[in-house]
N, C-alpha and C. Protein backbone atom coordinates (compact mmCIF):
# COMPACT_ATOMS: atom_id res chain seq x y z
N MET A 1 0.84 -1.18 0.00
CA MET A 1 0.00 0.00 0.00
C MET A 1 0.88 1.24 0.00
N GLU A 2 0.63 2.12 -0.93
CA GLU A 2 1.48 3.30 -1.11
C GLU A 2 1.05 4.40 -0.15
N SER A 3 2.01 4.92 0.60
CA SER A 3 1.70 6.04 1.49
C SER A 3 1.92 7.34 0.74
N ILE A 4 1.45 8.44 1.35
CA ILE A 4 1.54 9.74 0.70
C ILE A 4 2.99 10.13 0.44
N ASP A 5 3.90 9.79 1.36
CA ASP A 5 5.29 10.20 1.19
C ASP A 5 6.11 9.22 0.35
N ALA A 6 5.50 8.17 -0.16
CA ALA A 6 6.21 7.20 -0.99
C ALA A 6 6.45 7.79 -2.37
N ILE A 7 7.60 7.46 -2.91
CA ILE A 7 7.93 7.86 -4.28
C ILE A 7 8.07 6.58 -5.09
N ARG A 8 7.36 6.51 -6.19
CA ARG A 8 7.42 5.34 -7.06
C ARG A 8 8.38 5.65 -8.21
N ILE A 9 9.33 4.74 -8.42
CA ILE A 9 10.37 4.94 -9.42
C ILE A 9 10.32 3.81 -10.44
N LEU A 10 10.35 4.19 -11.72
CA LEU A 10 10.42 3.25 -12.82
C LEU A 10 11.86 3.21 -13.34
N GLY A 11 12.46 2.04 -13.35
CA GLY A 11 13.79 1.87 -13.92
C GLY A 11 13.69 1.13 -15.24
N ILE A 12 14.52 1.54 -16.21
CA ILE A 12 14.50 0.93 -17.53
C ILE A 12 15.91 0.50 -17.93
N ASP A 13 16.04 -0.74 -18.38
CA ASP A 13 17.26 -1.25 -19.00
C ASP A 13 16.92 -1.43 -20.48
N PRO A 14 17.31 -0.45 -21.33
CA PRO A 14 16.85 -0.47 -22.72
C PRO A 14 17.53 -1.53 -23.58
N GLY A 15 16.79 -2.01 -24.55
CA GLY A 15 17.31 -2.95 -25.52
C GLY A 15 16.28 -3.13 -26.61
N LEU A 16 16.72 -3.42 -27.82
CA LEU A 16 15.77 -3.59 -28.91
C LEU A 16 15.10 -4.95 -28.83
N GLN A 17 15.86 -5.98 -28.50
CA GLN A 17 15.29 -7.32 -28.40
C GLN A 17 14.52 -7.49 -27.09
N SER A 18 15.07 -6.98 -25.99
CA SER A 18 14.45 -7.10 -24.68
C SER A 18 14.74 -5.84 -23.86
N THR A 19 13.70 -5.14 -23.48
CA THR A 19 13.82 -3.97 -22.61
C THR A 19 13.30 -4.37 -21.24
N GLY A 20 14.16 -4.25 -20.24
CA GLY A 20 13.75 -4.57 -18.88
C GLY A 20 13.11 -3.37 -18.21
N PHE A 21 12.12 -3.63 -17.36
CA PHE A 21 11.54 -2.56 -16.55
C PHE A 21 11.44 -3.05 -15.11
N GLY A 22 11.57 -2.11 -14.19
CA GLY A 22 11.45 -2.43 -12.78
C GLY A 22 10.82 -1.25 -12.07
N VAL A 23 9.87 -1.51 -11.20
CA VAL A 23 9.17 -0.47 -10.46
C VAL A 23 9.37 -0.73 -8.97
N ILE A 24 9.83 0.29 -8.27
CA ILE A 24 10.02 0.20 -6.82
C ILE A 24 9.38 1.40 -6.14
N ASP A 25 9.07 1.24 -4.88
CA ASP A 25 8.61 2.35 -4.04
C ASP A 25 9.70 2.68 -3.05
N LYS A 26 9.84 3.96 -2.77
CA LYS A 26 10.81 4.43 -1.77
C LYS A 26 10.01 5.12 -0.68
N HIS A 27 10.07 4.56 0.52
CA HIS A 27 9.41 5.11 1.71
C HIS A 27 10.54 5.53 2.65
N GLY A 28 10.88 6.81 2.68
CA GLY A 28 12.03 7.25 3.47
C GLY A 28 13.28 6.58 2.93
N SER A 29 13.94 5.78 3.74
CA SER A 29 15.13 5.08 3.26
C SER A 29 14.84 3.63 2.89
N LYS A 30 13.58 3.20 3.01
CA LYS A 30 13.21 1.81 2.72
C LYS A 30 12.74 1.69 1.27
N LEU A 31 13.23 0.65 0.61
CA LEU A 31 12.83 0.36 -0.76
C LEU A 31 11.95 -0.88 -0.77
N SER A 32 10.92 -0.87 -1.61
CA SER A 32 10.08 -2.05 -1.75
C SER A 32 9.77 -2.31 -3.22
N TYR A 33 9.72 -3.58 -3.53
CA TYR A 33 9.46 -4.05 -4.88
C TYR A 33 7.98 -3.87 -5.22
N VAL A 34 7.72 -3.40 -6.46
CA VAL A 34 6.35 -3.29 -6.95
C VAL A 34 6.13 -4.26 -8.11
N ALA A 35 6.99 -4.18 -9.13
CA ALA A 35 6.83 -5.03 -10.32
C ALA A 35 8.10 -4.99 -11.16
N SER A 36 8.23 -5.99 -12.02
CA SER A 36 9.32 -5.98 -13.00
C SER A 36 8.97 -6.93 -14.12
N GLY A 37 9.69 -6.79 -15.22
CA GLY A 37 9.46 -7.67 -16.35
C GLY A 37 10.29 -7.25 -17.54
N CYS A 38 10.03 -7.90 -18.66
CA CYS A 38 10.75 -7.62 -19.89
C CYS A 38 9.77 -7.39 -21.03
N ILE A 39 10.08 -6.41 -21.84
CA ILE A 39 9.32 -6.11 -23.04
C ILE A 39 10.12 -6.71 -24.20
N ARG A 40 9.54 -7.64 -24.89
CA ARG A 40 10.26 -8.31 -25.98
C ARG A 40 9.68 -7.89 -27.33
N THR A 41 10.57 -7.74 -28.31
CA THR A 41 10.14 -7.42 -29.67
C THR A 41 10.48 -8.59 -30.58
N ASN A 42 9.76 -8.68 -31.67
CA ASN A 42 9.97 -9.75 -32.65
C ASN A 42 11.03 -9.30 -33.64
N GLU A 43 12.16 -10.00 -33.67
CA GLU A 43 13.27 -9.59 -34.53
C GLU A 43 12.94 -9.70 -36.02
N ARG A 44 11.84 -10.36 -36.37
CA ARG A 44 11.43 -10.46 -37.78
C ARG A 44 10.60 -9.26 -38.23
N GLU A 45 10.18 -8.46 -37.26
CA GLU A 45 9.39 -7.26 -37.58
C GLU A 45 10.33 -6.14 -38.02
N PRO A 46 9.83 -5.19 -38.82
CA PRO A 46 10.65 -4.03 -39.20
C PRO A 46 10.99 -3.17 -37.96
N LEU A 47 12.10 -2.49 -38.02
CA LEU A 47 12.59 -1.68 -36.90
C LEU A 47 11.53 -0.69 -36.38
N PRO A 48 10.84 0.06 -37.24
CA PRO A 48 9.86 1.01 -36.69
C PRO A 48 8.77 0.34 -35.83
N GLN A 49 8.32 -0.85 -36.23
CA GLN A 49 7.30 -1.55 -35.44
C GLN A 49 7.88 -2.01 -34.11
N ARG A 50 9.12 -2.44 -34.11
CA ARG A 50 9.76 -2.88 -32.86
C ARG A 50 9.92 -1.71 -31.90
N LEU A 51 10.31 -0.56 -32.43
CA LEU A 51 10.44 0.63 -31.58
C LEU A 51 9.06 1.04 -31.05
N GLY A 52 8.03 0.87 -31.87
CA GLY A 52 6.67 1.15 -31.43
C GLY A 52 6.23 0.25 -30.29
N VAL A 53 6.65 -1.02 -30.32
CA VAL A 53 6.34 -1.96 -29.24
C VAL A 53 6.99 -1.48 -27.94
N VAL A 54 8.26 -1.06 -28.02
CA VAL A 54 8.95 -0.55 -26.82
C VAL A 54 8.21 0.67 -26.27
N PHE A 55 7.90 1.62 -27.14
CA PHE A 55 7.21 2.85 -26.74
C PHE A 55 5.86 2.53 -26.10
N ASP A 56 5.03 1.77 -26.82
CA ASP A 56 3.67 1.47 -26.33
C ASP A 56 3.70 0.66 -25.04
N SER A 57 4.61 -0.30 -24.94
CA SER A 57 4.68 -1.14 -23.75
C SER A 57 5.11 -0.35 -22.52
N ILE A 58 6.05 0.55 -22.69
CA ILE A 58 6.46 1.39 -21.55
C ILE A 58 5.32 2.31 -21.15
N ARG A 59 4.58 2.82 -22.11
CA ARG A 59 3.41 3.65 -21.77
C ARG A 59 2.39 2.82 -20.98
N GLU A 60 2.21 1.55 -21.32
CA GLU A 60 1.30 0.67 -20.58
C GLU A 60 1.80 0.44 -19.15
N VAL A 61 3.10 0.25 -18.99
CA VAL A 61 3.69 0.07 -17.65
C VAL A 61 3.44 1.33 -16.83
N ILE A 62 3.63 2.49 -17.43
CA ILE A 62 3.43 3.77 -16.73
C ILE A 62 1.96 3.91 -16.33
N ALA A 63 1.05 3.58 -17.24
CA ALA A 63 -0.38 3.68 -16.93
C ALA A 63 -0.77 2.73 -15.80
N LYS A 64 -0.19 1.54 -15.79
CA LYS A 64 -0.55 0.53 -14.80
C LYS A 64 0.01 0.85 -13.41
N TYR A 65 1.27 1.30 -13.34
CA TYR A 65 1.94 1.45 -12.04
C TYR A 65 2.10 2.90 -11.58
N ALA A 66 1.80 3.87 -12.42
CA ALA A 66 1.81 5.30 -12.06
C ALA A 66 3.07 5.75 -11.32
N PRO A 67 4.25 5.59 -11.93
CA PRO A 67 5.47 6.06 -11.26
C PRO A 67 5.52 7.58 -11.22
N HIS A 68 6.29 8.11 -10.26
CA HIS A 68 6.48 9.55 -10.14
C HIS A 68 7.74 10.02 -10.86
N GLN A 69 8.73 9.12 -10.95
CA GLN A 69 10.02 9.44 -11.54
C GLN A 69 10.50 8.23 -12.33
N ALA A 70 11.45 8.48 -13.23
CA ALA A 70 11.99 7.37 -14.02
C ALA A 70 13.50 7.50 -14.15
N ALA A 71 14.13 6.36 -14.36
CA ALA A 71 15.58 6.31 -14.56
C ALA A 71 15.87 5.31 -15.67
N ILE A 72 16.88 5.61 -16.47
CA ILE A 72 17.23 4.74 -17.59
C ILE A 72 18.75 4.63 -17.68
N GLU A 73 19.19 3.46 -18.08
CA GLU A 73 20.62 3.23 -18.25
C GLU A 73 21.09 3.90 -19.53
N GLU A 74 22.27 4.52 -19.48
CA GLU A 74 22.86 5.16 -20.65
C GLU A 74 23.35 4.10 -21.63
N VAL A 75 23.47 4.51 -22.89
CA VAL A 75 24.00 3.62 -23.92
C VAL A 75 25.49 3.46 -23.70
N PHE A 76 25.95 2.22 -23.80
CA PHE A 76 27.38 1.96 -23.75
C PHE A 76 27.84 1.65 -25.17
N LEU A 77 29.06 1.97 -25.45
CA LEU A 77 29.61 1.69 -26.78
C LEU A 77 30.13 0.27 -26.79
N ASN A 78 29.74 -0.49 -27.80
CA ASN A 78 30.31 -1.83 -27.93
C ASN A 78 31.04 -1.92 -29.26
N LYS A 79 31.58 -3.07 -29.55
CA LYS A 79 32.42 -3.23 -30.73
C LYS A 79 31.65 -3.10 -32.04
N ASN A 80 30.37 -3.39 -32.00
CA ASN A 80 29.56 -3.35 -33.21
C ASN A 80 28.76 -2.04 -33.24
N PRO A 81 29.13 -1.10 -34.15
CA PRO A 81 28.42 0.18 -34.19
C PRO A 81 26.94 0.03 -34.51
N TRP A 82 26.57 -0.98 -35.32
CA TRP A 82 25.17 -1.18 -35.66
C TRP A 82 24.36 -1.55 -34.42
N SER A 83 24.92 -2.41 -33.57
CA SER A 83 24.25 -2.78 -32.32
C SER A 83 24.08 -1.58 -31.41
N THR A 84 25.10 -0.74 -31.35
CA THR A 84 25.02 0.48 -30.53
C THR A 84 23.94 1.41 -31.05
N LEU A 85 23.85 1.53 -32.37
CA LEU A 85 22.82 2.39 -32.99
C LEU A 85 21.42 1.86 -32.67
N LEU A 86 21.22 0.55 -32.79
CA LEU A 86 19.90 -0.04 -32.50
C LEU A 86 19.54 0.14 -31.02
N LEU A 87 20.52 -0.06 -30.14
CA LEU A 87 20.29 0.14 -28.71
C LEU A 87 19.90 1.59 -28.43
N GLY A 88 20.60 2.51 -29.08
CA GLY A 88 20.28 3.93 -28.91
C GLY A 88 18.86 4.27 -29.36
N GLN A 89 18.42 3.63 -30.43
CA GLN A 89 17.07 3.89 -30.91
C GLN A 89 16.02 3.33 -29.94
N ALA A 90 16.28 2.15 -29.40
CA ALA A 90 15.36 1.57 -28.41
C ALA A 90 15.32 2.45 -27.17
N ARG A 91 16.48 2.95 -26.77
CA ARG A 91 16.57 3.84 -25.61
C ARG A 91 15.79 5.13 -25.87
N GLY A 92 15.91 5.64 -27.09
CA GLY A 92 15.16 6.85 -27.46
C GLY A 92 13.66 6.63 -27.40
N ALA A 93 13.19 5.47 -27.86
CA ALA A 93 11.76 5.15 -27.79
C ALA A 93 11.31 5.10 -26.34
N ALA A 94 12.15 4.53 -25.47
CA ALA A 94 11.81 4.44 -24.05
C ALA A 94 11.76 5.84 -23.41
N ILE A 95 12.74 6.67 -23.71
CA ILE A 95 12.77 8.03 -23.16
C ILE A 95 11.56 8.82 -23.65
N ALA A 96 11.24 8.68 -24.93
CA ALA A 96 10.07 9.38 -25.48
C ALA A 96 8.79 8.94 -24.78
N ALA A 97 8.65 7.65 -24.51
CA ALA A 97 7.46 7.15 -23.81
C ALA A 97 7.36 7.77 -22.42
N MET A 98 8.48 7.86 -21.72
CA MET A 98 8.46 8.38 -20.35
C MET A 98 8.24 9.89 -20.32
N THR A 99 8.91 10.62 -21.21
CA THR A 99 8.75 12.08 -21.19
C THR A 99 7.38 12.51 -21.69
N THR A 100 6.82 11.79 -22.67
CA THR A 100 5.48 12.16 -23.13
C THR A 100 4.42 11.83 -22.08
N ALA A 101 4.76 10.95 -21.14
CA ALA A 101 3.86 10.66 -20.01
C ALA A 101 4.07 11.66 -18.87
N GLY A 102 5.00 12.61 -19.06
CA GLY A 102 5.22 13.65 -18.06
C GLY A 102 6.19 13.29 -16.95
N LEU A 103 6.92 12.18 -17.11
CA LEU A 103 7.86 11.77 -16.07
C LEU A 103 9.21 12.46 -16.22
N PRO A 104 9.79 12.91 -15.11
CA PRO A 104 11.19 13.34 -15.17
C PRO A 104 12.06 12.09 -15.30
N VAL A 105 13.04 12.14 -16.19
CA VAL A 105 13.86 10.97 -16.48
C VAL A 105 15.33 11.27 -16.15
N ALA A 106 15.92 10.45 -15.29
CA ALA A 106 17.34 10.56 -14.97
C ALA A 106 18.09 9.47 -15.73
N GLU A 107 19.33 9.77 -16.09
CA GLU A 107 20.15 8.83 -16.85
C GLU A 107 21.38 8.45 -16.04
N TYR A 108 21.70 7.14 -16.04
CA TYR A 108 22.83 6.64 -15.27
C TYR A 108 23.67 5.71 -16.11
N GLY A 109 24.99 5.81 -15.95
CA GLY A 109 25.91 4.90 -16.60
C GLY A 109 25.95 3.57 -15.88
N THR A 110 26.39 2.55 -16.59
CA THR A 110 26.46 1.20 -16.03
C THR A 110 27.30 1.15 -14.75
N MET A 111 28.46 1.77 -14.78
CA MET A 111 29.33 1.74 -13.60
C MET A 111 28.71 2.49 -12.42
N GLN A 112 28.00 3.56 -12.71
CA GLN A 112 27.32 4.32 -11.65
C GLN A 112 26.23 3.46 -11.00
N ILE A 113 25.50 2.72 -11.81
CA ILE A 113 24.44 1.85 -11.28
C ILE A 113 25.05 0.75 -10.42
N LYS A 114 26.11 0.11 -10.93
CA LYS A 114 26.76 -0.97 -10.17
C LYS A 114 27.31 -0.45 -8.85
N LYS A 115 27.89 0.73 -8.86
CA LYS A 115 28.45 1.29 -7.63
C LYS A 115 27.35 1.58 -6.62
N ALA A 116 26.21 2.10 -7.09
CA ALA A 116 25.11 2.42 -6.18
C ALA A 116 24.47 1.17 -5.58
N VAL A 117 24.46 0.08 -6.34
CA VAL A 117 23.78 -1.14 -5.89
C VAL A 117 24.72 -2.08 -5.15
N VAL A 118 25.93 -2.27 -5.69
CA VAL A 118 26.86 -3.26 -5.13
C VAL A 118 27.95 -2.60 -4.28
N GLY A 119 28.30 -1.37 -4.62
CA GLY A 119 29.37 -0.69 -3.90
C GLY A 119 30.65 -0.57 -4.70
N GLN A 120 30.67 -1.18 -5.88
CA GLN A 120 31.83 -1.04 -6.77
C GLN A 120 31.36 -1.03 -8.22
N GLY A 121 31.99 -0.20 -9.04
CA GLY A 121 31.58 -0.02 -10.42
C GLY A 121 31.92 -1.16 -11.36
N ARG A 122 32.75 -2.07 -10.93
CA ARG A 122 33.15 -3.19 -11.80
C ARG A 122 32.49 -4.51 -11.36
N ALA A 123 31.37 -4.41 -10.69
CA ALA A 123 30.66 -5.61 -10.22
C ALA A 123 30.16 -6.43 -11.40
N THR A 124 30.02 -7.73 -11.19
CA THR A 124 29.49 -8.62 -12.23
C THR A 124 27.96 -8.55 -12.24
N LYS A 125 27.37 -9.07 -13.32
CA LYS A 125 25.91 -9.13 -13.41
C LYS A 125 25.32 -9.95 -12.27
N ASP A 126 26.01 -11.04 -11.93
CA ASP A 126 25.53 -11.90 -10.83
C ASP A 126 25.54 -11.14 -9.50
N GLN A 127 26.58 -10.35 -9.26
CA GLN A 127 26.64 -9.57 -8.03
C GLN A 127 25.52 -8.54 -7.98
N VAL A 128 25.24 -7.91 -9.11
CA VAL A 128 24.16 -6.92 -9.17
C VAL A 128 22.82 -7.62 -8.90
N SER A 129 22.57 -8.74 -9.56
CA SER A 129 21.31 -9.48 -9.35
C SER A 129 21.16 -9.89 -7.89
N HIS A 130 22.24 -10.38 -7.30
CA HIS A 130 22.21 -10.80 -5.89
C HIS A 130 21.83 -9.63 -4.98
N MET A 131 22.43 -8.48 -5.22
CA MET A 131 22.12 -7.31 -4.37
C MET A 131 20.70 -6.79 -4.61
N VAL A 132 20.22 -6.87 -5.83
CA VAL A 132 18.83 -6.47 -6.11
C VAL A 132 17.88 -7.34 -5.30
N VAL A 133 18.12 -8.65 -5.31
CA VAL A 133 17.29 -9.59 -4.54
C VAL A 133 17.36 -9.23 -3.05
N ARG A 134 18.55 -8.96 -2.58
CA ARG A 134 18.75 -8.64 -1.16
C ARG A 134 18.13 -7.31 -0.75
N LEU A 135 18.37 -6.27 -1.56
CA LEU A 135 17.86 -4.94 -1.21
C LEU A 135 16.34 -4.86 -1.27
N LEU A 136 15.74 -5.65 -2.16
CA LEU A 136 14.28 -5.61 -2.31
C LEU A 136 13.60 -6.81 -1.66
N THR A 137 14.37 -7.63 -0.96
CA THR A 137 13.89 -8.85 -0.30
C THR A 137 12.96 -9.67 -1.21
N LEU A 138 13.48 -10.02 -2.36
CA LEU A 138 12.73 -10.80 -3.34
C LEU A 138 12.86 -12.29 -3.03
N GLY A 139 11.88 -13.06 -3.42
CA GLY A 139 11.90 -14.50 -3.21
C GLY A 139 12.73 -15.25 -4.22
N GLY A 140 13.08 -14.60 -5.33
CA GLY A 140 13.88 -15.23 -6.36
C GLY A 140 14.57 -14.17 -7.21
N VAL A 141 15.40 -14.63 -8.11
CA VAL A 141 16.15 -13.71 -8.97
C VAL A 141 15.31 -13.38 -10.20
N PRO A 142 15.09 -12.09 -10.48
CA PRO A 142 14.34 -11.71 -11.68
C PRO A 142 15.15 -11.99 -12.95
N GLN A 143 14.49 -11.96 -14.10
CA GLN A 143 15.17 -12.08 -15.38
C GLN A 143 16.27 -11.04 -15.44
N SER A 144 17.32 -11.31 -16.21
CA SER A 144 18.50 -10.45 -16.26
C SER A 144 18.17 -8.99 -16.58
N ASP A 145 17.39 -8.75 -17.64
CA ASP A 145 17.07 -7.36 -18.02
C ASP A 145 16.19 -6.69 -16.97
N ALA A 146 15.28 -7.45 -16.36
CA ALA A 146 14.44 -6.89 -15.30
C ALA A 146 15.27 -6.56 -14.07
N ALA A 147 16.24 -7.42 -13.73
CA ALA A 147 17.13 -7.15 -12.59
C ALA A 147 17.95 -5.89 -12.84
N ASP A 148 18.43 -5.71 -14.07
CA ASP A 148 19.18 -4.50 -14.41
C ASP A 148 18.31 -3.25 -14.31
N ALA A 149 17.04 -3.37 -14.70
CA ALA A 149 16.12 -2.24 -14.60
C ALA A 149 15.84 -1.90 -13.13
N LEU A 150 15.66 -2.93 -12.30
CA LEU A 150 15.48 -2.70 -10.87
C LEU A 150 16.72 -2.05 -10.27
N ALA A 151 17.90 -2.48 -10.71
CA ALA A 151 19.15 -1.88 -10.24
C ALA A 151 19.21 -0.40 -10.62
N CYS A 152 18.74 -0.06 -11.81
CA CYS A 152 18.71 1.34 -12.24
C CYS A 152 17.77 2.16 -11.34
N ALA A 153 16.61 1.60 -11.01
CA ALA A 153 15.67 2.27 -10.11
C ALA A 153 16.28 2.43 -8.71
N ILE A 154 16.98 1.40 -8.23
CA ILE A 154 17.63 1.48 -6.92
C ILE A 154 18.71 2.56 -6.93
N CYS A 155 19.48 2.62 -8.00
CA CYS A 155 20.50 3.67 -8.14
C CYS A 155 19.85 5.05 -8.04
N HIS A 156 18.75 5.22 -8.72
CA HIS A 156 18.03 6.49 -8.69
C HIS A 156 17.58 6.82 -7.26
N ALA A 157 17.07 5.83 -6.57
CA ALA A 157 16.62 6.03 -5.19
C ALA A 157 17.78 6.39 -4.28
N HIS A 158 18.94 5.78 -4.50
CA HIS A 158 20.11 6.01 -3.64
C HIS A 158 20.84 7.32 -3.91
N THR A 159 20.65 7.90 -5.07
CA THR A 159 21.37 9.13 -5.40
C THR A 159 20.71 10.38 -4.85
N GLY A 160 19.54 10.23 -4.27
CA GLY A 160 18.84 11.40 -3.75
C GLY A 160 17.69 11.83 -4.62
N HIS A 161 17.67 11.37 -5.89
CA HIS A 161 16.54 11.70 -6.76
C HIS A 161 15.26 11.16 -6.15
N GLY A 162 15.35 9.98 -5.56
CA GLY A 162 14.19 9.32 -4.99
C GLY A 162 13.61 10.04 -3.79
N PHE A 163 14.32 11.04 -3.28
CA PHE A 163 13.79 11.83 -2.18
C PHE A 163 12.90 12.96 -2.69
N GLY A 164 12.69 13.03 -3.99
CA GLY A 164 11.82 14.05 -4.56
C GLY A 164 12.59 15.25 -5.06
N ILE A 165 13.91 15.20 -5.08
CA ILE A 165 14.70 16.30 -5.60
C ILE A 165 14.60 16.28 -7.11
N ALA A 166 14.13 17.38 -7.69
CA ALA A 166 13.93 17.41 -9.13
C ALA A 166 15.25 17.36 -9.88
N THR A 167 16.23 18.09 -9.40
CA THR A 167 17.54 18.12 -10.04
C THR A 167 18.59 18.03 -8.95
N PRO A 168 19.54 17.08 -9.06
CA PRO A 168 20.55 16.94 -8.02
C PRO A 168 21.53 18.11 -8.02
N ALA A 169 22.18 18.31 -6.88
CA ALA A 169 23.19 19.35 -6.80
C ALA A 169 24.24 19.08 -7.86
N GLY A 170 24.53 20.08 -8.67
CA GLY A 170 25.50 19.92 -9.74
C GLY A 170 24.90 19.31 -11.00
N GLY A 171 23.67 18.83 -10.93
CA GLY A 171 23.00 18.25 -12.10
C GLY A 171 22.20 19.32 -12.81
N ARG A 172 21.48 18.91 -13.84
CA ARG A 172 20.66 19.86 -14.57
C ARG A 172 19.55 19.12 -15.31
N ARG A 173 18.56 19.89 -15.74
CA ARG A 173 17.47 19.33 -16.53
C ARG A 173 17.66 19.73 -17.98
N ARG A 174 17.30 18.83 -18.87
CA ARG A 174 17.37 19.14 -20.29
C ARG A 174 16.27 18.36 -21.00
N GLY A 175 15.37 19.08 -21.65
CA GLY A 175 14.32 18.42 -22.42
C GLY A 175 13.47 17.46 -21.62
N GLY A 176 13.17 17.78 -20.35
CA GLY A 176 12.35 16.91 -19.53
C GLY A 176 13.12 15.80 -18.85
N ARG A 177 14.43 15.71 -19.11
CA ARG A 177 15.26 14.67 -18.50
C ARG A 177 16.12 15.29 -17.42
N VAL A 178 16.35 14.55 -16.36
CA VAL A 178 17.23 14.98 -15.29
C VAL A 178 18.59 14.36 -15.56
N LEU A 179 19.59 15.20 -15.66
CA LEU A 179 20.95 14.70 -15.89
C LEU A 179 21.73 14.79 -14.60
N PRO A 180 22.32 13.68 -14.15
CA PRO A 180 23.11 13.72 -12.92
C PRO A 180 24.38 14.53 -13.14
N PRO A 181 25.05 14.93 -12.04
CA PRO A 181 26.28 15.69 -12.18
C PRO A 181 27.28 14.99 -13.08
N GLY A 182 27.88 15.75 -14.01
CA GLY A 182 28.91 15.21 -14.89
C GLY A 182 28.38 14.50 -16.12
N ALA A 183 27.06 14.31 -16.22
CA ALA A 183 26.49 13.61 -17.38
C ALA A 183 26.56 14.52 -18.60
N LYS A 184 26.83 13.90 -19.74
CA LYS A 184 26.88 14.64 -20.99
C LYS A 184 25.57 14.40 -21.75
N PRO A 185 24.82 15.46 -22.04
CA PRO A 185 23.56 15.27 -22.77
C PRO A 185 23.81 14.88 -24.21
N LEU A 186 22.90 14.09 -24.77
CA LEU A 186 22.96 13.76 -26.18
C LEU A 186 22.46 14.98 -26.96
N ARG A 187 23.02 15.24 -28.06
CA ARG A 187 22.63 16.41 -28.86
C ARG A 187 21.71 15.98 -29.97
């Protein structure tokens, strides 16, 4: 049951094939699990339809769980530029879904998320999943992308954004998105 002072946070781990989402509530310093899952697209469908699935599905998650704030993992560069481009497009569809729903969106790098959840930026996926289970007292380990999305939401809660601060000290807002200190906005 959500209290008046609770803040609901939506975390997103973007991907074209599978986009993870995680919803948590923050009551003071206590975090509680609300929901998580994965949005999957059909790789045989054309790219615009797949991006539409990501957009529409995130809008459905927002309508169902009514988060107050959102956080999304930043794009990392990998060896394949085409994969990076596709990931960026899926991330853009997710950001568009959240901002058109009126949510402030914070962006976090992978190492920043790992440090906030595990305590070190070079943690393994297994360590992150283990801490997500522990911090949210879950009965089992969520799917990988959902666990990463929950970790993103936990990072957001731990940085002070989850206390209702619209923009962190040293951070700034740009185009409806909250950028943490030192973040470089996409142009």
